[in-house]
Structures are given as C-alpha cells and as structure tokens.
Amino acid sequence: MATVANVQQSENKPVASGVTEWVTRARDYIQDLRGEMARVTWPSWSQVRSTTGVVLVAIFLFAAYFAVVDVVMSRFVQRIFATFV
C-alpha cells in the first residue's frame, strides 16, 4: 500500500532516472540470461531424434488404446440401453 511519503518521493523523482533505471535493469537481465544460457547442456541431434521418436510412438499407442476403450465402452452402453428399452 502506498504511503504519503512513498507517493511524494516518486513524484519528486525525475523521469530520466526512471528510464535509466529501466535500461540498467534490462541490460542486467539480458546479461544474466546469456550467462544462464551458456550453462545449459544442450542435447545432441541424435538424442533429439530418438526422444522425438519415443514421444511419437507413445502418442500413437495411447491413441490406439483410447480408441479400443472407446469402442468397448460405447458397445457396453448400447447394450445397457438396448436391455432397458
């Protein structure tokens, strides 16, 4: 919550110092970002291909599983409705 002293202090602050402060913070952020990105261990192209293959196979297996479950459940529900109608 802003107090009267904080509001008066921000009103007396020149606009140029706010812009300079923003530029300084942005520059520091970019420098920190570059430092963190330099420490990242990037996967090799063969690792990317193999993990992508695993993901694609898993997607198709899950799709097939859910298709089978959908067919079985829909037939089960149809039999229940046919029994009571």
Protein backbone atom coordinates (compact mmCIF):
# COMPACT_ATOMS: atom_id res chain seq x y z
CA MET A 1 0.00 0.00 0.00
CA ALA A 2 1.38 3.39 -0.95
CA THR A 3 2.02 5.82 1.85
CA VAL A 4 2.12 9.59 1.51
CA ALA A 5 5.91 9.58 1.83
CA ASN A 6 6.27 6.99 -0.97
CA VAL A 7 3.95 8.94 -3.27
CA GLN A 8 5.79 12.21 -2.62
CA GLN A 9 9.14 10.52 -3.17
CA SER A 10 8.04 9.05 -6.51
CA GLU A 11 6.62 12.42 -7.60
CA ASN A 12 9.96 14.13 -6.97
CA LYS A 13 11.89 11.50 -8.93
CA PRO A 14 12.99 12.77 -12.36
CA VAL A 15 11.70 10.85 -15.37
CA ALA A 16 15.20 10.41 -16.81
CA SER A 17 16.35 8.44 -13.78
CA GLY A 18 13.37 6.08 -14.19
CA VAL A 19 14.30 5.44 -17.82
CA THR A 20 17.96 4.96 -16.90
CA GLU A 21 16.97 2.55 -14.14
CA TRP A 22 14.80 0.57 -16.57
CA VAL A 23 17.59 0.37 -19.14
CA THR A 24 20.06 -0.76 -16.47
CA ARG A 25 17.70 -3.46 -15.22
CA ALA A 26 17.03 -4.66 -18.78
CA ARG A 27 20.76 -4.83 -19.53
CA ASP A 28 21.42 -6.76 -16.31
CA TYR A 29 18.61 -9.16 -17.16
CA ILE A 30 20.00 -9.83 -20.64
CA GLN A 31 23.49 -10.41 -19.23
CA ASP A 32 22.12 -12.85 -16.65
CA LEU A 33 20.10 -14.58 -19.36
CA ARG A 34 23.17 -15.02 -21.56
CA GLY A 35 25.11 -16.43 -18.60
CA GLU A 36 22.38 -18.96 -17.84
CA MET A 37 22.04 -19.99 -21.48
CA ALA A 38 25.80 -20.61 -21.65
CA ARG A 39 25.47 -23.11 -18.79
CA VAL A 40 22.66 -25.08 -20.42
CA THR A 41 23.57 -28.57 -21.57
CA TRP A 42 22.01 -28.93 -24.99
CA PRO A 43 21.09 -32.41 -26.29
CA SER A 44 22.77 -33.77 -29.39
CA TRP A 45 20.85 -34.15 -32.64
CA SER A 46 20.68 -37.93 -32.21
CA GLN A 47 19.22 -37.52 -28.71
CA VAL A 48 16.57 -35.13 -30.05
CA ARG A 49 15.64 -37.56 -32.84
CA SER A 50 15.41 -40.55 -30.52
CA THR A 51 13.32 -38.82 -27.87
CA THR A 52 11.05 -37.40 -30.56
CA GLY A 53 10.58 -40.92 -31.88
CA VAL A 54 9.69 -42.18 -28.41
CA VAL A 55 7.13 -39.41 -27.99
CA LEU A 56 5.52 -40.11 -31.37
CA VAL A 57 5.30 -43.85 -30.68
CA ALA A 58 3.77 -43.15 -27.26
CA ILE A 59 1.19 -40.82 -28.81
CA PHE A 60 0.10 -43.47 -31.31
CA LEU A 61 -0.02 -46.19 -28.64
CA PHE A 62 -2.17 -44.03 -26.36
CA ALA A 63 -4.43 -43.12 -29.30
CA ALA A 64 -4.91 -46.80 -30.14
CA TYR A 65 -5.58 -47.66 -26.50
CA PHE A 66 -8.20 -44.93 -26.14
CA ALA A 67 -9.81 -45.94 -29.45
CA VAL A 68 -10.21 -49.51 -28.19
CA VAL A 69 -11.55 -48.34 -24.83
CA ASP A 70 -13.99 -46.02 -26.63
CA VAL A 71 -15.32 -48.82 -28.83
CA VAL A 72 -15.69 -51.22 -25.89
CA MET A 73 -17.42 -48.64 -23.70
CA SER A 74 -19.78 -47.49 -26.44
CA ARG A 75 -20.85 -51.10 -27.15
CA PHE A 76 -21.32 -51.68 -23.41
CA VAL A 77 -23.52 -48.59 -23.09
CA GLN A 78 -25.50 -49.54 -26.20
CA ARG A 79 -26.20 -52.99 -24.72
CA ILE A 80 -27.35 -51.44 -21.46
CA PHE A 81 -29.73 -49.12 -23.35
CA ALA A 82 -30.97 -51.98 -25.53
CA THR A 83 -31.68 -54.06 -22.42
CA PHE A 84 -33.84 -51.42 -20.74
CA VAL A 85 -35.66 -50.10 -23.81
